[in-house]
Amino acid sequence: MSSETLEQNVNRVLVLQLVLTLSALLIVAGIGIIFSSEGHVVVNRLCSIGFGCGLAFVLTLISARSVRKSSETSYKSPELAMMPVYAGTVQKLLVAAAGMALGLVKLELEPAHLIIGFLLLHLAYIAAALGSSSKSNRR
């Protein structure tokens, strides 16, 4: 996989995640305005979705950095090429756990909405993979 293709895939995932985040926030705001008269509940739900999406976005950046480092390492030392990916996976786990703990315990965000935002952005990986495979089939 060339560096240009890697950058294109990372950009595709990040753009899809941004679109999904904005869509989720608009949907939650619309539902909240239509069905809820309590403004603070709607704001808490928006913050929860936004926090979950932001956390997933940060994890995507960590993954992209790990894969870039792995690509660079493979040229210098092929036997150590996967080390940055393993280190990135550990970093992602720690950041996800700390972020979830911060959002749920300290910020008192709604668990369901935080998890929905977090999981929703992981769909961008699937959508990007489907998009790139359909492009390669057309060639």
N, C-alpha and C. Protein backbone atom coordinates (compact mmCIF):
# COMPACT_ATOMS: atom_id res chain seq x y z
N MET A 1 0.85 -1.18 0.00
CA MET A 1 0.00 0.00 0.00
C MET A 1 0.89 1.23 0.00
N SER A 2 0.67 2.10 -0.92
CA SER A 2 1.52 3.29 -1.02
C SER A 2 1.09 4.32 0.01
N SER A 3 1.99 5.25 0.26
CA SER A 3 1.73 6.31 1.23
C SER A 3 0.55 7.18 0.78
N GLU A 4 0.45 7.41 -0.53
CA GLU A 4 -0.64 8.23 -1.04
C GLU A 4 -1.99 7.54 -0.80
N THR A 5 -2.05 6.25 -1.01
CA THR A 5 -3.28 5.51 -0.77
C THR A 5 -3.63 5.53 0.71
N LEU A 6 -2.63 5.38 1.56
CA LEU A 6 -2.85 5.45 2.99
C LEU A 6 -3.43 6.80 3.38
N GLU A 7 -2.86 7.87 2.88
CA GLU A 7 -3.36 9.21 3.19
C GLU A 7 -4.79 9.40 2.68
N GLN A 8 -5.07 8.88 1.51
CA GLN A 8 -6.42 8.99 0.97
C GLN A 8 -7.42 8.24 1.84
N ASN A 9 -7.05 7.05 2.30
CA ASN A 9 -7.94 6.27 3.16
C ASN A 9 -8.16 6.96 4.50
N VAL A 10 -7.10 7.50 5.08
CA VAL A 10 -7.23 8.21 6.35
C VAL A 10 -8.14 9.43 6.17
N ASN A 11 -7.93 10.17 5.10
CA ASN A 11 -8.77 11.35 4.85
C ASN A 11 -10.22 10.95 4.62
N ARG A 12 -10.45 9.84 3.92
CA ARG A 12 -11.81 9.37 3.68
C ARG A 12 -12.50 9.04 5.00
N VAL A 13 -11.81 8.34 5.88
CA VAL A 13 -12.39 7.97 7.17
C VAL A 13 -12.67 9.23 8.00
N LEU A 14 -11.73 10.16 8.04
CA LEU A 14 -11.93 11.37 8.83
C LEU A 14 -13.09 12.21 8.31
N VAL A 15 -13.23 12.32 7.00
CA VAL A 15 -14.35 13.07 6.43
C VAL A 15 -15.67 12.37 6.75
N LEU A 16 -15.71 11.06 6.59
CA LEU A 16 -16.93 10.32 6.93
C LEU A 16 -17.28 10.48 8.41
N GLN A 17 -16.27 10.47 9.26
CA GLN A 17 -16.53 10.65 10.69
C GLN A 17 -17.08 12.04 10.99
N LEU A 18 -16.55 13.03 10.32
CA LEU A 18 -17.05 14.39 10.51
C LEU A 18 -18.51 14.50 10.06
N VAL A 19 -18.82 13.91 8.92
CA VAL A 19 -20.20 13.93 8.42
C VAL A 19 -21.13 13.19 9.38
N LEU A 20 -20.71 12.02 9.86
CA LEU A 20 -21.52 11.27 10.81
C LEU A 20 -21.72 12.03 12.12
N THR A 21 -20.69 12.72 12.58
CA THR A 21 -20.81 13.50 13.81
C THR A 21 -21.84 14.61 13.65
N LEU A 22 -21.72 15.38 12.58
CA LEU A 22 -22.67 16.46 12.34
C LEU A 22 -24.09 15.93 12.16
N SER A 23 -24.23 14.82 11.47
CA SER A 23 -25.55 14.21 11.27
C SER A 23 -26.16 13.78 12.60
N ALA A 24 -25.36 13.12 13.42
CA ALA A 24 -25.86 12.66 14.72
C ALA A 24 -26.27 13.84 15.60
N LEU A 25 -25.46 14.89 15.61
CA LEU A 25 -25.80 16.06 16.42
C LEU A 25 -27.08 16.73 15.93
N LEU A 26 -27.25 16.83 14.63
CA LEU A 26 -28.47 17.43 14.08
C LEU A 26 -29.70 16.58 14.38
N ILE A 27 -29.56 15.26 14.27
CA ILE A 27 -30.69 14.36 14.56
C ILE A 27 -31.09 14.44 16.03
N VAL A 28 -30.09 14.38 16.92
CA VAL A 28 -30.39 14.45 18.35
C VAL A 28 -30.99 15.81 18.72
N ALA A 29 -30.47 16.88 18.14
CA ALA A 29 -31.02 18.21 18.41
C ALA A 29 -32.45 18.30 17.90
N GLY A 30 -32.70 17.80 16.70
CA GLY A 30 -34.06 17.84 16.15
C GLY A 30 -35.04 17.05 16.98
N ILE A 31 -34.66 15.83 17.36
CA ILE A 31 -35.54 15.01 18.19
C ILE A 31 -35.76 15.68 19.54
N GLY A 32 -34.70 16.25 20.10
CA GLY A 32 -34.82 16.92 21.39
C GLY A 32 -35.74 18.13 21.34
N ILE A 33 -35.64 18.88 20.28
CA ILE A 33 -36.49 20.07 20.14
C ILE A 33 -37.95 19.67 19.94
N ILE A 34 -38.19 18.62 19.17
CA ILE A 34 -39.56 18.20 18.88
C ILE A 34 -40.22 17.53 20.09
N PHE A 35 -39.50 16.62 20.76
CA PHE A 35 -40.12 15.80 21.78
C PHE A 35 -39.80 16.17 23.23
N SER A 36 -38.88 17.07 23.46
CA SER A 36 -38.49 17.38 24.84
C SER A 36 -38.60 18.87 25.09
N SER A 37 -39.20 19.21 26.20
CA SER A 37 -39.30 20.62 26.55
C SER A 37 -38.16 21.05 27.48
N GLU A 38 -37.39 20.09 27.97
CA GLU A 38 -36.31 20.39 28.90
C GLU A 38 -35.01 20.62 28.14
N GLY A 39 -34.55 21.86 28.11
CA GLY A 39 -33.35 22.22 27.37
C GLY A 39 -32.09 21.56 27.87
N HIS A 40 -31.98 21.42 29.21
CA HIS A 40 -30.75 20.85 29.76
C HIS A 40 -30.59 19.37 29.38
N VAL A 41 -31.69 18.65 29.18
CA VAL A 41 -31.62 17.25 28.77
C VAL A 41 -31.07 17.16 27.35
N VAL A 42 -31.57 18.03 26.48
CA VAL A 42 -31.12 18.05 25.09
C VAL A 42 -29.64 18.41 25.02
N VAL A 43 -29.23 19.39 25.80
CA VAL A 43 -27.82 19.81 25.81
C VAL A 43 -26.94 18.68 26.32
N ASN A 44 -27.38 17.97 27.36
CA ASN A 44 -26.59 16.86 27.89
C ASN A 44 -26.46 15.75 26.85
N ARG A 45 -27.54 15.48 26.12
CA ARG A 45 -27.48 14.45 25.08
C ARG A 45 -26.55 14.87 23.95
N LEU A 46 -26.62 16.13 23.56
CA LEU A 46 -25.73 16.63 22.51
C LEU A 46 -24.27 16.55 22.95
N CYS A 47 -24.02 16.92 24.19
CA CYS A 47 -22.65 16.84 24.72
C CYS A 47 -22.17 15.39 24.77
N SER A 48 -23.06 14.49 25.15
CA SER A 48 -22.69 13.07 25.22
C SER A 48 -22.35 12.51 23.85
N ILE A 49 -23.20 12.79 22.87
CA ILE A 49 -22.94 12.33 21.50
C ILE A 49 -21.64 12.95 20.99
N GLY A 50 -21.50 14.25 21.19
CA GLY A 50 -20.30 14.95 20.73
C GLY A 50 -19.03 14.42 21.38
N PHE A 51 -19.09 14.13 22.66
CA PHE A 51 -17.93 13.60 23.37
C PHE A 51 -17.56 12.22 22.85
N GLY A 52 -18.56 11.36 22.66
CA GLY A 52 -18.30 10.02 22.12
C GLY A 52 -17.71 10.08 20.72
N CYS A 53 -18.24 10.97 19.90
CA CYS A 53 -17.71 11.14 18.54
C CYS A 53 -16.29 11.69 18.58
N GLY A 54 -16.06 12.67 19.43
CA GLY A 54 -14.72 13.25 19.55
C GLY A 54 -13.70 12.22 20.01
N LEU A 55 -14.10 11.38 20.94
CA LEU A 55 -13.21 10.33 21.42
C LEU A 55 -12.86 9.35 20.30
N ALA A 56 -13.84 8.95 19.53
CA ALA A 56 -13.58 8.05 18.40
C ALA A 56 -12.70 8.72 17.34
N PHE A 57 -12.88 10.01 17.14
CA PHE A 57 -12.08 10.76 16.18
C PHE A 57 -10.61 10.75 16.61
N VAL A 58 -10.37 10.97 17.89
CA VAL A 58 -9.00 10.95 18.43
C VAL A 58 -8.38 9.56 18.24
N LEU A 59 -9.16 8.52 18.46
CA LEU A 59 -8.65 7.16 18.28
C LEU A 59 -8.30 6.89 16.82
N THR A 60 -9.05 7.48 15.90
CA THR A 60 -8.72 7.34 14.48
C THR A 60 -7.38 8.00 14.18
N LEU A 61 -7.14 9.16 14.77
CA LEU A 61 -5.85 9.84 14.56
C LEU A 61 -4.70 9.02 15.13
N ILE A 62 -4.91 8.38 16.28
CA ILE A 62 -3.88 7.51 16.86
C ILE A 62 -3.61 6.33 15.93
N SER A 63 -4.65 5.73 15.38
CA SER A 63 -4.48 4.60 14.45
C SER A 63 -3.71 5.02 13.21
N ALA A 64 -4.08 6.18 12.66
CA ALA A 64 -3.40 6.66 11.46
C ALA A 64 -1.92 6.90 11.72
N ARG A 65 -1.62 7.49 12.87
CA ARG A 65 -0.23 7.73 13.22
C ARG A 65 0.54 6.42 13.37
N SER A 66 -0.08 5.43 13.99
CA SER A 66 0.56 4.12 14.17
C SER A 66 0.86 3.45 12.85
N VAL A 67 -0.10 3.52 11.92
CA VAL A 67 0.11 2.88 10.62
C VAL A 67 1.19 3.61 9.83
N ARG A 68 1.21 4.94 9.92
CA ARG A 68 2.28 5.70 9.24
C ARG A 68 3.65 5.30 9.78
N LYS A 69 3.76 5.22 11.11
CA LYS A 69 5.03 4.83 11.72
C LYS A 69 5.42 3.41 11.31
N SER A 70 4.44 2.54 11.24
CA SER A 70 4.71 1.17 10.83
C SER A 70 5.21 1.12 9.39
N SER A 71 4.62 1.93 8.55
CA SER A 71 5.05 2.00 7.15
C SER A 71 6.49 2.49 7.04
N GLU A 72 6.83 3.51 7.82
CA GLU A 72 8.19 4.03 7.81
C GLU A 72 9.17 3.01 8.38
N THR A 73 8.77 2.31 9.44
CA THR A 73 9.64 1.34 10.10
C THR A 73 9.89 0.14 9.21
N SER A 74 8.92 -0.23 8.39
CA SER A 74 9.08 -1.42 7.55
C SER A 74 10.22 -1.27 6.54
N TYR A 75 10.51 -0.04 6.13
CA TYR A 75 11.63 0.17 5.20
C TYR A 75 12.97 0.01 5.91
N LYS A 76 13.05 0.49 7.15
CA LYS A 76 14.31 0.45 7.89
C LYS A 76 14.56 -0.91 8.51
N SER A 77 13.52 -1.46 9.13
CA SER A 77 13.68 -2.71 9.87
C SER A 77 12.39 -3.54 9.75
N PRO A 78 12.29 -4.38 8.74
CA PRO A 78 11.05 -5.12 8.49
C PRO A 78 10.58 -5.98 9.67
N GLU A 79 11.51 -6.49 10.45
CA GLU A 79 11.11 -7.34 11.58
C GLU A 79 10.43 -6.55 12.70
N LEU A 80 10.60 -5.25 12.72
CA LEU A 80 9.97 -4.41 13.75
C LEU A 80 8.79 -3.60 13.20
N ALA A 81 8.33 -3.93 12.01
CA ALA A 81 7.31 -3.11 11.35
C ALA A 81 6.00 -3.06 12.10
N MET A 82 5.64 -4.11 12.82
CA MET A 82 4.35 -4.13 13.51
C MET A 82 4.39 -3.50 14.90
N MET A 83 5.55 -3.20 15.41
CA MET A 83 5.65 -2.61 16.76
C MET A 83 4.85 -1.32 16.91
N PRO A 84 4.93 -0.38 15.97
CA PRO A 84 4.11 0.84 16.12
C PRO A 84 2.61 0.56 16.14
N VAL A 85 2.17 -0.46 15.41
CA VAL A 85 0.75 -0.81 15.41
C VAL A 85 0.34 -1.35 16.78
N TYR A 86 1.18 -2.22 17.35
CA TYR A 86 0.88 -2.75 18.68
C TYR A 86 0.88 -1.64 19.73
N ALA A 87 1.87 -0.75 19.66
CA ALA A 87 1.93 0.38 20.60
C ALA A 87 0.71 1.29 20.43
N GLY A 88 0.31 1.51 19.19
CA GLY A 88 -0.87 2.33 18.93
C GLY A 88 -2.15 1.70 19.46
N THR A 89 -2.22 0.37 19.39
CA THR A 89 -3.39 -0.33 19.92
C THR A 89 -3.48 -0.16 21.43
N VAL A 90 -2.35 -0.26 22.11
CA VAL A 90 -2.33 -0.06 23.56
C VAL A 90 -2.70 1.39 23.89
N GLN A 91 -2.16 2.34 23.13
CA GLN A 91 -2.51 3.74 23.34
C GLN A 91 -4.00 3.98 23.14
N LYS A 92 -4.57 3.38 22.09
CA LYS A 92 -6.01 3.53 21.83
C LYS A 92 -6.83 2.98 22.99
N LEU A 93 -6.44 1.83 23.51
CA LEU A 93 -7.16 1.23 24.63
C LEU A 93 -7.13 2.14 25.85
N LEU A 94 -5.95 2.67 26.16
CA LEU A 94 -5.82 3.55 27.32
C LEU A 94 -6.59 4.86 27.13
N VAL A 95 -6.50 5.44 25.94
CA VAL A 95 -7.22 6.70 25.68
C VAL A 95 -8.73 6.47 25.71
N ALA A 96 -9.19 5.35 25.15
CA ALA A 96 -10.62 5.04 25.16
C ALA A 96 -11.13 4.85 26.59
N ALA A 97 -10.39 4.10 27.39
CA ALA A 97 -10.80 3.86 28.78
C ALA A 97 -10.80 5.16 29.58
N ALA A 98 -9.74 5.94 29.44
CA ALA A 98 -9.67 7.20 30.18
C ALA A 98 -10.74 8.18 29.70
N GLY A 99 -10.98 8.23 28.40
CA GLY A 99 -12.00 9.12 27.86
C GLY A 99 -13.39 8.74 28.32
N MET A 100 -13.69 7.46 28.29
CA MET A 100 -15.01 6.99 28.76
C MET A 100 -15.18 7.29 30.25
N ALA A 101 -14.14 7.03 31.02
CA ALA A 101 -14.22 7.31 32.46
C ALA A 101 -14.42 8.80 32.71
N LEU A 102 -13.68 9.62 32.00
CA LEU A 102 -13.83 11.07 32.15
C LEU A 102 -15.25 11.52 31.80
N GLY A 103 -15.75 11.04 30.67
CA GLY A 103 -17.08 11.45 30.23
C GLY A 103 -18.19 10.98 31.14
N LEU A 104 -18.08 9.74 31.61
CA LEU A 104 -19.15 9.17 32.42
C LEU A 104 -19.09 9.60 33.88
N VAL A 105 -17.90 9.61 34.45
CA VAL A 105 -17.77 9.88 35.89
C VAL A 105 -17.64 11.37 36.18
N LYS A 106 -16.69 12.01 35.55
CA LYS A 106 -16.42 13.41 35.87
C LYS A 106 -17.42 14.36 35.22
N LEU A 107 -17.70 14.16 33.93
CA LEU A 107 -18.59 15.07 33.22
C LEU A 107 -20.06 14.67 33.34
N GLU A 108 -20.33 13.48 33.87
CA GLU A 108 -21.68 12.95 34.08
C GLU A 108 -22.52 13.00 32.81
N LEU A 109 -21.94 12.54 31.71
CA LEU A 109 -22.65 12.48 30.44
C LEU A 109 -23.53 11.23 30.41
N GLU A 110 -24.52 11.23 29.52
CA GLU A 110 -25.42 10.09 29.41
C GLU A 110 -24.70 8.92 28.74
N PRO A 111 -24.64 7.78 29.43
CA PRO A 111 -23.88 6.64 28.90
C PRO A 111 -24.36 6.17 27.52
N ALA A 112 -25.65 6.05 27.32
CA ALA A 112 -26.16 5.53 26.05
C ALA A 112 -25.76 6.42 24.89
N HIS A 113 -25.89 7.71 25.05
CA HIS A 113 -25.58 8.64 23.97
C HIS A 113 -24.07 8.71 23.71
N LEU A 114 -23.28 8.63 24.76
CA LEU A 114 -21.83 8.62 24.59
C LEU A 114 -21.39 7.39 23.79
N ILE A 115 -21.93 6.24 24.15
CA ILE A 115 -21.59 4.99 23.46
C ILE A 115 -22.10 5.02 22.01
N ILE A 116 -23.30 5.55 21.80
CA ILE A 116 -23.84 5.64 20.44
C ILE A 116 -22.94 6.51 19.57
N GLY A 117 -22.52 7.65 20.08
CA GLY A 117 -21.61 8.51 19.32
C GLY A 117 -20.29 7.82 19.02
N PHE A 118 -19.77 7.12 20.00
CA PHE A 118 -18.50 6.41 19.85
C PHE A 118 -18.62 5.30 18.79
N LEU A 119 -19.67 4.51 18.89
CA LEU A 119 -19.85 3.39 17.96
C LEU A 119 -20.23 3.87 16.56
N LEU A 120 -20.99 4.94 16.50
CA LEU A 120 -21.41 5.47 15.20
C LEU A 120 -20.21 5.83 14.34
N LEU A 121 -19.21 6.43 14.94
CA LEU A 121 -18.04 6.83 14.15
C LEU A 121 -17.21 5.64 13.71
N HIS A 122 -17.34 4.52 14.38
CA HIS A 122 -16.62 3.33 13.93
C HIS A 122 -17.24 2.76 12.65
N LEU A 123 -18.46 3.16 12.35
CA LEU A 123 -19.08 2.76 11.08
C LEU A 123 -18.36 3.40 9.89
N ALA A 124 -17.66 4.50 10.14
CA ALA A 124 -16.91 5.17 9.06
C ALA A 124 -15.82 4.26 8.52
N TYR A 125 -15.23 3.43 9.37
CA TYR A 125 -14.21 2.48 8.90
C TYR A 125 -14.83 1.51 7.89
N ILE A 126 -16.02 1.02 8.22
CA ILE A 126 -16.69 0.07 7.33
C ILE A 126 -17.08 0.75 6.03
N ALA A 127 -17.65 1.94 6.14
CA ALA A 127 -18.05 2.68 4.94
C ALA A 127 -16.85 3.00 4.06
N ALA A 128 -15.74 3.38 4.66
CA ALA A 128 -14.53 3.68 3.88
C ALA A 128 -13.99 2.43 3.20
N ALA A 129 -14.03 1.31 3.92
CA ALA A 129 -13.56 0.06 3.34
C ALA A 129 -14.45 -0.37 2.18
N LEU A 130 -15.75 -0.23 2.34
CA LEU A 130 -16.67 -0.57 1.25
C LEU A 130 -16.48 0.35 0.06
N GLY A 131 -16.25 1.63 0.34
CA GLY A 131 -16.03 2.59 -0.73
C GLY A 131 -14.75 2.32 -1.50
N SER A 132 -13.68 1.98 -0.80
CA SER A 132 -12.41 1.71 -1.50
C SER A 132 -12.46 0.39 -2.24
N SER A 133 -13.18 -0.61 -1.72
CA SER A 133 -13.26 -1.89 -2.43
C SER A 133 -14.11 -1.76 -3.68
N SER A 134 -15.16 -0.94 -3.63
CA SER A 134 -15.98 -0.77 -4.84
C SER A 134 -15.22 0.02 -5.91
N LYS A 135 -14.33 0.95 -5.48
CA LYS A 135 -13.51 1.68 -6.45
C LYS A 135 -12.49 0.75 -7.09
N SER A 136 -11.92 -0.15 -6.32
CA SER A 136 -10.91 -1.07 -6.88
C SER A 136 -11.56 -2.08 -7.81
N ASN A 137 -12.83 -2.42 -7.58
CA ASN A 137 -13.53 -3.35 -8.47
C ASN A 137 -13.85 -2.72 -9.81
N ARG A 138 -14.01 -1.40 -9.84
CA ARG A 138 -14.33 -0.69 -11.09
C ARG A 138 -13.12 -0.56 -12.01
N ARG A 139 -11.93 -0.68 -11.46
CA ARG A 139 -10.71 -0.49 -12.26
C ARG A 139 -10.42 -1.65 -13.14
